[in-house]
Protein backbone atom coordinates (compact mmCIF):
# COMPACT_ATOMS: atom_id res chain seq x y z
CA MET A 1 0.00 0.00 0.00
CA THR A 2 1.44 3.37 -1.05
CA SER A 3 1.63 5.98 1.70
CA ILE A 4 1.17 9.66 1.01
CA LYS A 5 3.60 12.02 2.75
CA LEU A 6 2.43 15.60 2.97
CA LYS A 7 4.33 18.53 4.39
CA HIS A 8 3.17 19.82 7.80
CA VAL A 9 0.88 16.79 8.35
CA ASP A 10 1.16 14.70 11.52
CA ARG A 11 -0.44 11.29 11.97
CA PHE A 12 -1.46 9.67 15.27
CA VAL A 13 -3.87 7.11 16.69
CA ASP A 14 -6.34 8.41 19.27
CA ARG A 15 -7.50 6.62 22.42
CA HIS A 16 -10.36 5.01 20.44
CA GLY A 17 -7.90 3.44 17.99
CA LYS A 18 -8.82 5.79 15.14
CA VAL A 19 -6.17 7.32 12.91
CA ARG A 20 -6.19 11.14 12.91
CA HIS A 21 -4.28 13.65 10.82
CA TYR A 22 -3.37 17.18 11.84
CA PHE A 23 -1.90 20.08 9.90
CA ARG A 24 0.70 22.07 11.82
CA ARG A 25 3.16 24.53 10.33
CA GLY A 26 6.19 24.93 12.63
CA LYS A 27 4.99 25.63 16.15
CA GLY A 28 1.66 26.99 14.98
CA LYS A 29 -1.83 25.83 15.84
CA ARG A 30 -2.83 22.25 15.03
CA THR A 31 -5.75 21.82 12.64
CA LEU A 32 -7.60 18.50 12.39
CA LEU A 33 -7.98 17.36 8.77
CA PRO A 34 -11.09 15.37 7.76
CA GLY A 35 -11.13 12.11 5.86
CA SER A 36 -8.08 10.14 4.70
CA PRO A 37 -4.97 11.44 2.86
CA GLY A 38 -5.67 11.50 -0.85
CA SER A 39 -9.44 11.83 -0.52
CA ALA A 40 -11.14 14.87 -1.99
CA VAL A 41 -12.30 16.25 1.33
CA PHE A 42 -8.85 15.74 2.89
CA MET A 43 -6.92 17.35 0.06
CA SER A 44 -9.33 20.29 -0.06
CA ALA A 45 -8.86 20.95 3.62
CA TYR A 46 -5.08 20.48 3.34
CA GLN A 47 -4.88 23.03 0.52
CA LYS A 48 -6.88 25.55 2.59
CA ALA A 49 -4.55 25.01 5.55
CA LEU A 50 -1.49 25.57 3.33
CA GLU A 51 -2.99 28.84 2.13
CA GLY A 52 -3.76 29.94 5.69
CA GLU A 53 -7.53 29.62 5.39
CA ALA A 54 -9.69 28.36 8.25
CA VAL A 55 -10.56 24.69 7.95
CA LYS A 56 -14.03 23.69 9.11
CA VAL A 57 -13.72 20.13 10.32
CA GLY A 58 -16.62 17.88 11.22
CA VAL A 59 -19.20 19.48 8.94
CA PRO A 60 -17.62 18.90 5.51
CA GLY A 61 -20.92 18.79 3.68
CA ARG A 62 -20.97 15.03 3.23
CA GLY A 63 -24.13 14.41 5.27
CA GLY A 64 -27.33 14.65 3.28
CA ARG A 65 -30.60 16.29 4.19
CA GLY A 66 -31.79 15.37 7.67
CA SER A 67 -28.33 14.24 8.81
CA PHE A 68 -26.43 15.54 11.82
CA ASP A 69 -23.97 17.23 9.43
CA HIS A 70 -26.91 19.05 7.87
CA LEU A 71 -28.37 19.90 11.30
CA ALA A 72 -25.05 21.32 12.50
CA ARG A 73 -24.71 23.51 9.41
CA GLU A 74 -28.23 24.83 9.91
CA TYR A 75 -27.63 25.48 13.61
CA PHE A 76 -24.32 27.31 13.04
CA ALA A 77 -26.09 29.66 10.61
CA SER A 78 -29.12 30.23 12.85
CA PRO A 79 -29.94 33.25 15.04
CA ASP A 80 -29.92 30.87 18.02
CA PHE A 81 -26.21 30.28 17.50
CA LEU A 82 -25.23 33.74 16.27
CA ARG A 83 -26.69 35.54 19.30
CA ILE A 84 -24.31 33.63 21.59
CA ALA A 85 -21.11 35.40 22.67
CA PRO A 86 -18.24 34.86 20.16
CA GLN A 87 -16.07 33.04 22.68
CA THR A 88 -18.93 30.70 23.56
CA ARG A 89 -19.63 30.05 19.86
CA VAL A 90 -16.06 28.81 19.44
CA VAL A 91 -16.50 26.39 22.35
CA TYR A 92 -19.89 25.12 21.12
CA ARG A 93 -18.67 24.63 17.55
CA GLY A 94 -15.58 22.76 18.71
CA ILE A 95 -17.55 20.32 20.88
CA ILE A 96 -20.14 19.66 18.16
CA GLU A 97 -17.64 19.19 15.34
CA ARG A 98 -15.46 16.81 17.38
CA PHE A 99 -18.60 14.84 18.23
CA LEU A 100 -19.56 14.47 14.57
CA ILE A 101 -16.11 13.10 13.73
CA ASN A 102 -15.20 11.04 16.81
CA ASP A 103 -18.56 9.29 16.98
CA SER A 104 -18.93 8.96 13.18
CA ILE A 105 -22.41 10.41 13.47
CA GLY A 106 -22.29 13.13 10.81
CA THR A 107 -24.07 11.10 8.13
CA ARG A 108 -26.66 9.61 10.52
CA GLN A 109 -30.24 10.83 10.35
CA VAL A 110 -31.27 13.06 13.24
CA LYS A 111 -34.71 11.41 13.49
CA GLU A 112 -33.08 8.01 14.10
CA MET A 113 -31.30 8.95 17.35
CA THR A 114 -32.78 7.13 20.35
CA ARG A 115 -32.40 7.39 24.11
CA ARG A 116 -30.19 4.29 23.96
CA HIS A 117 -27.83 6.05 21.54
CA VAL A 118 -27.44 8.99 23.93
CA GLN A 119 -26.77 6.64 26.85
CA MET A 120 -24.02 4.90 24.88
CA ILE A 121 -22.46 8.23 23.91
CA MET A 122 -22.37 9.27 27.57
CA ALA A 123 -21.05 5.88 28.72
CA LYS A 124 -18.03 6.20 26.40
CA ARG A 125 -17.07 9.37 28.27
CA ALA A 126 -17.65 8.15 31.82
CA THR A 127 -14.00 8.74 32.73
CA THR A 128 -14.25 12.41 31.70
CA PRO A 129 -17.49 13.57 33.35
CA ALA A 130 -17.08 17.27 32.52
CA ALA A 131 -16.57 16.51 28.82
CA ALA A 132 -19.52 14.10 28.85
CA ASN A 133 -21.80 16.68 30.44
CA ASN A 134 -20.71 19.38 27.98
CA LEU A 135 -21.45 17.07 25.07
CA LEU A 136 -24.87 16.17 26.50
CA LYS A 137 -25.64 19.89 26.62
CA MET A 138 -24.66 20.27 22.94
CA ILE A 139 -26.73 17.25 21.88
CA ARG A 140 -29.74 18.72 23.68
CA ILE A 141 -29.24 22.05 21.93
CA LEU A 142 -29.09 20.32 18.53
CA VAL A 143 -32.12 18.13 19.29
CA HIS A 144 -34.20 21.08 20.50
CA PHE A 145 -33.21 23.00 17.37
CA ALA A 146 -34.30 20.00 15.29
CA ILE A 147 -37.65 19.83 17.12
CA ASP A 148 -38.24 23.57 16.64
CA ASN A 149 -37.64 23.15 12.92
CA GLY A 150 -39.77 20.04 12.43
CA TRP A 151 -36.96 17.50 12.02
CA ARG A 152 -38.28 15.32 14.84
CA THR A 153 -40.99 15.50 17.50
CA ASP A 154 -39.40 13.97 20.60
CA ASP A 155 -36.29 14.56 22.73
CA PRO A 156 -34.09 11.43 23.25
CA THR A 157 -32.06 13.24 25.93
CA VAL A 158 -35.02 13.51 28.34
CA ARG A 159 -34.11 12.14 31.80
CA ILE A 160 -30.53 11.43 30.74
CA LYS A 161 -28.62 12.35 33.89
CA LYS A 162 -25.35 14.22 34.00
CA PHE A 163 -22.29 12.75 35.67
CA ALA A 164 -21.35 14.16 39.06
CA GLU A 165 -18.58 16.73 38.80
CA GLY A 166 -16.36 18.18 41.46
CA GLU A 167 -16.76 21.89 42.17
CA HIS A 168 -13.98 24.45 42.13
CA HIS A 169 -12.57 24.97 45.60
CA THR A 170 -13.48 28.29 47.21
CA TRP A 171 -10.36 29.98 48.53
CA THR A 172 -10.27 30.38 52.31
CA ASP A 173 -9.18 33.63 53.96
CA GLU A 174 -6.00 31.86 55.09
CA GLU A 175 -5.16 30.89 51.50
CA ILE A 176 -5.84 34.43 50.32
CA SER A 177 -3.51 35.79 53.01
CA GLN A 178 -0.81 33.28 52.03
CA PHE A 179 -0.84 34.46 48.42
CA GLN A 180 -0.79 38.11 49.48
CA SER A 181 2.09 37.47 51.88
CA HIS A 182 4.14 35.82 49.14
CA TRP A 183 3.51 38.43 46.44
CA ALA A 184 4.12 41.97 47.63
CA GLN A 185 1.86 44.91 46.89
CA GLY A 186 2.94 46.57 43.65
CA THR A 187 3.68 43.34 41.76
CA LYS A 188 1.76 42.13 38.72
CA GLU A 189 0.88 38.96 40.61
CA ARG A 190 -0.74 40.94 43.40
CA LEU A 191 -2.65 43.13 40.93
CA ALA A 192 -4.01 40.10 39.07
CA HIS A 193 -5.06 38.50 42.36
CA ALA A 194 -6.77 41.70 43.54
CA LEU A 195 -8.66 42.19 40.27
CA LEU A 196 -9.97 38.62 40.42
CA LEU A 197 -10.86 38.72 44.12
CA TYR A 198 -12.26 42.23 44.54
CA THR A 199 -14.27 42.38 41.30
CA GLY A 200 -15.57 38.79 41.49
CA GLN A 201 -15.21 38.39 37.72
CA ARG A 202 -14.14 35.49 35.54
CA ALA A 203 -10.59 35.36 34.18
CA SER A 204 -11.94 36.11 30.69
CA ASP A 205 -13.34 39.45 31.91
CA VAL A 206 -10.36 40.38 34.10
CA ALA A 207 -7.96 39.69 31.21
CA LYS A 208 -9.53 42.39 29.04
CA MET A 209 -9.83 45.10 31.72
CA SER A 210 -8.07 48.29 30.69
CA SER A 211 -7.41 51.80 31.95
CA ASP A 212 -10.38 52.98 29.87
CA ASP A 213 -12.68 50.93 32.13
CA LEU A 214 -11.62 52.83 35.27
CA THR A 215 -13.67 55.77 36.51
CA ASP A 216 -13.94 57.69 39.76
CA GLY A 217 -16.90 55.51 40.69
CA GLY A 218 -15.31 52.14 39.98
CA ILE A 219 -14.56 49.84 37.07
CA TRP A 220 -16.87 49.07 34.14
CA VAL A 221 -17.31 45.45 33.11
CA VAL A 222 -19.25 43.95 30.20
CA GLN A 223 -19.15 40.21 30.79
CA GLN A 224 -18.22 38.15 27.76
CA LYS A 225 -20.33 35.16 28.79
CA THR A 226 -23.59 36.87 29.79
CA LYS A 227 -23.22 40.37 28.29
CA ALA A 228 -24.15 41.74 31.73
CA LYS A 229 -23.06 45.37 32.18
CA LEU A 230 -21.68 46.08 35.65
CA MET A 231 -20.20 49.04 37.49
CA ILE A 232 -18.14 47.65 40.36
CA PRO A 233 -16.91 50.06 43.07
CA ILE A 234 -13.20 49.72 43.74
CA HIS A 235 -12.33 48.08 47.06
CA PRO A 236 -9.52 49.81 49.02
CA GLU A 237 -7.26 46.75 48.61
CA LEU A 238 -7.81 46.82 44.85
CA ARG A 239 -7.16 50.56 44.75
CA ALA A 240 -3.82 49.99 46.48
CA ALA A 241 -2.91 47.29 43.94
CA LEU A 242 -3.87 49.54 41.01
CA VAL A 243 -1.21 52.05 42.06
CA SER A 244 1.34 49.87 40.25
CA SER A 245 -0.42 50.53 36.92
CA ALA A 246 -1.24 54.21 37.55
CA GLY A 247 -0.79 56.35 34.46
CA GLN A 248 -0.42 53.29 32.23
CA ALA A 249 -2.80 53.33 29.27
CA GLY A 250 -4.22 50.12 27.88
CA PRO A 251 -4.55 46.68 29.52
CA LEU A 252 -4.29 46.60 33.30
CA LEU A 253 -2.57 43.22 33.06
CA ARG A 254 0.09 42.60 30.42
CA THR A 255 2.14 39.61 29.31
CA GLY A 256 5.92 39.68 29.21
CA GLN A 257 5.58 40.96 25.62
CA GLY A 258 3.43 43.88 26.76
CA ARG A 259 0.18 42.53 25.30
CA ALA A 260 -3.12 41.85 27.05
CA PHE A 261 -3.60 38.34 28.40
CA THR A 262 -6.02 35.92 26.82
CA SER A 263 -8.46 34.22 29.17
CA LYS A 264 -6.52 30.96 29.11
CA GLY A 265 -3.23 32.82 29.28
CA LEU A 266 -4.23 34.61 32.48
CA SER A 267 -5.45 31.37 34.07
CA ASN A 268 -2.16 29.64 33.21
CA TYR A 269 -0.17 32.61 34.50
CA MET A 270 -2.07 32.57 37.80
CA ALA A 271 -1.67 28.80 38.12
CA ASP A 272 2.11 29.24 38.10
CA LYS A 273 2.02 32.11 40.60
CA ILE A 274 -0.36 30.25 42.91
CA ALA A 275 2.02 27.27 42.91
CA ASP A 276 4.97 29.57 43.60
CA ALA A 277 3.12 30.86 46.67
CA GLY A 278 3.04 27.30 48.03
CA LEU A 279 -0.72 26.93 47.82
CA PRO A 280 -2.35 23.51 47.24
CA GLN A 281 -3.55 22.40 43.80
CA ARG A 282 -7.17 22.94 44.79
CA CYS A 283 -6.55 26.71 44.69
CA VAL A 284 -7.34 27.64 41.09
CA THR A 285 -8.09 30.99 39.46
CA HIS A 286 -11.86 30.50 39.31
CA GLY A 287 -11.87 29.79 43.03
CA LEU A 288 -11.20 33.50 43.65
CA ARG A 289 -14.54 34.37 42.03
CA LYS A 290 -16.19 31.93 44.43
CA ALA A 291 -14.24 33.44 47.31
CA ALA A 292 -15.54 36.89 46.36
CA ALA A 293 -19.13 35.61 46.53
CA ARG A 294 -18.43 33.83 49.81
CA ARG A 295 -17.01 36.94 51.45
CA LEU A 296 -19.94 39.03 50.30
CA ALA A 297 -22.34 36.47 51.78
CA GLU A 298 -20.41 36.39 55.06
CA ALA A 299 -20.63 40.18 55.18
CA GLY A 300 -24.42 39.79 55.19
CA CYS A 301 -25.09 40.77 51.57
CA SER A 302 -28.33 39.62 49.98
CA ALA A 303 -28.42 37.43 46.87
CA ASN A 304 -29.33 40.47 44.77
CA GLU A 305 -26.43 42.47 46.21
CA ILE A 306 -24.01 39.65 45.42
CA ALA A 307 -25.43 39.37 41.88
CA ALA A 308 -24.78 43.10 41.39
CA ILE A 309 -21.07 42.30 41.75
CA THR A 310 -20.73 38.85 40.18
CA GLY A 311 -23.25 39.41 37.39
CA HIS A 312 -25.13 36.14 37.94
CA ARG A 313 -28.61 36.24 36.43
CA LYS A 314 -29.95 33.21 38.27
CA LEU A 315 -30.07 33.48 42.05
CA GLU A 316 -29.74 29.71 42.39
CA GLU A 317 -26.23 30.07 40.95
CA ILE A 318 -25.37 32.46 43.78
CA ALA A 319 -26.85 30.01 46.29
CA ARG A 320 -24.45 27.38 44.96
CA TYR A 321 -21.51 29.71 45.53
CA THR A 322 -22.58 30.88 48.97
CA ARG A 323 -24.40 27.99 50.65
CA ALA A 324 -21.42 27.22 52.90
CA ALA A 325 -21.26 30.83 54.08
CA GLU A 326 -25.01 30.91 54.71
CA GLN A 327 -24.76 27.67 56.70
CA LYS A 328 -22.13 29.21 58.95
CA LEU A 329 -24.22 32.32 59.55
CA LEU A 330 -27.34 30.28 60.30
CA ALA A 331 -25.43 27.90 62.57
CA ARG A 332 -23.89 30.80 64.49
CA SER A 333 -27.32 32.39 64.89
CA ALA A 334 -28.78 29.08 66.09
CA ILE A 335 -26.07 28.60 68.74
CA GLU A 336 -26.49 32.19 69.96
CA ARG A 337 -30.23 31.59 70.37
CA LEU A 338 -29.56 28.34 72.19
CA THR A 339 -27.06 30.07 74.49
CA GLU A 340 -29.61 32.74 75.37
CA ARG A 341 -32.23 30.07 76.03
CA SER A 342 -29.84 28.07 78.23
CA ALA A 343 -29.02 31.17 80.28
CA ALA A 344 -32.72 31.88 80.78
CA ILE A 345 -33.29 28.35 82.05
CA GLU A 346 -30.26 28.41 84.34
CA PHE A 347 -31.18 31.76 85.93
CA PRO A 348 -34.96 31.97 85.49
CA ASN A 349 -35.45 34.92 87.86
CA LEU A 350 -32.58 37.10 86.64
CA ASN A 351 -32.69 39.48 83.73
CA PRO A 352 -29.62 39.28 81.40
CA GLY A 353 -28.14 42.55 82.61
CA PHE A 354 -28.40 41.67 86.29
CA GLY A 355 -26.93 38.25 85.66
CA LYS A 356 -23.91 39.68 83.84
CA ALA A 357 -23.31 42.17 86.67
CA LEU A 358 -23.40 39.40 89.25
CA GLU A 359 -21.01 37.27 87.25
CA LYS A 360 -18.63 40.19 86.85
CA ASP A 361 -18.54 40.67 90.64
CA ASN A 362 -18.04 36.92 91.16
CA GLU A 363 -21.24 36.81 93.23
CA ILE A 364 -22.66 34.02 91.07
CA LYS A 365 -20.56 31.44 89.27
CA ARG A 366 -21.82 29.26 86.45
CA VAL A 367 -22.42 25.67 87.51
CA PRO A 368 -23.08 22.47 85.57
CA THR A 369 -26.50 22.00 84.03
CA GLY A 370 -28.89 20.38 86.52
CA TRP A 371 -27.65 22.51 89.42
CA ARG A 372 -29.13 25.77 90.71
CA SER A 373 -28.09 28.45 93.15
CA ARG A 374 -30.16 28.58 96.34
CA GLN A 375 -29.64 31.08 99.15
CA GLY A 376 -26.54 32.75 97.74
CA SER A 377 -23.60 30.44 97.38
CA ASN A 378 -25.28 27.35 98.88
CA LEU A 379 -25.33 24.94 95.88
CA ARG A 380 -27.61 21.94 95.90
CA PRO A 381 -28.83 19.56 93.20
CA SER A 382 -32.04 20.86 91.63
CA ALA A 383 -35.12 18.78 92.15
């Protein structure tokens, strides 16, 4: 069998035993090429990659009417898809196109998918629960789009459960102090940490903050994910950290080359600096957003007040971030009430103020439960 050797093309076998081909010029970005070397679809994509054009993999136009290839093309051109934030569109498209290729489902008819098919697709990804759940979300989006457009009448993803996923760790106050102790005020590390913690924003939003967003009242944020427009007052700790970038126009955080960070770039940068501070692996960048919500909750802020900072539209999302803080507040309140009740039972004839005064003067000492003071200091078991 004659093999075809093409410049800039790498071949490998994935974990499913399937042969894949990527185009990569030098140290540039890898581009997955569809089909097999020598095929029309492969050579067309290869030529586009050589000429620097974007290669759309996974929806090559080979699926006929009613196929998943056809459905994906229709969805990518729809208002439903185009109204999503650009960054989110890239994520959605990537998940869907990899699904069409890796599961060889592009040519299959949408109306033929059953609940059993969806269960098998999820089972294949049991070892990567986050990826499985993301794919289930994309399948549901495609199926609902198909139903809305008359391609099928039922939803095969109904009652398909997600896999359990671990949540990002919420930084503790001790971990926050450890990072701040390691990285001095005035450093880029400290500024990045302060922007994440005291604005409560995602890394994607912090990465694009610039001097133009700063005003006397605070810092303007338009969230990439939700498009929420926020004006966040500047916390004194953040104001102190911003001194290092005073008078500097453009991005508040810059790479070593002087450019603004990308979302992933900032997360990777912070991962290194967090490790340098000796913090455990559970302390990740997104955990600072959760810590911001936690601290607001512990300060007694309402869900709506917290949402005004974090930009969450659904209050149940805030409850997920702050339930631990609310539990502590409720538990503390419960113990305080119990303490007051216990004191009332122990000294039934004394008002709180009189009891405190007596205790201060050592005229009455607290005794174990089940004992009462009779005739001054004469202690006897209560009846």
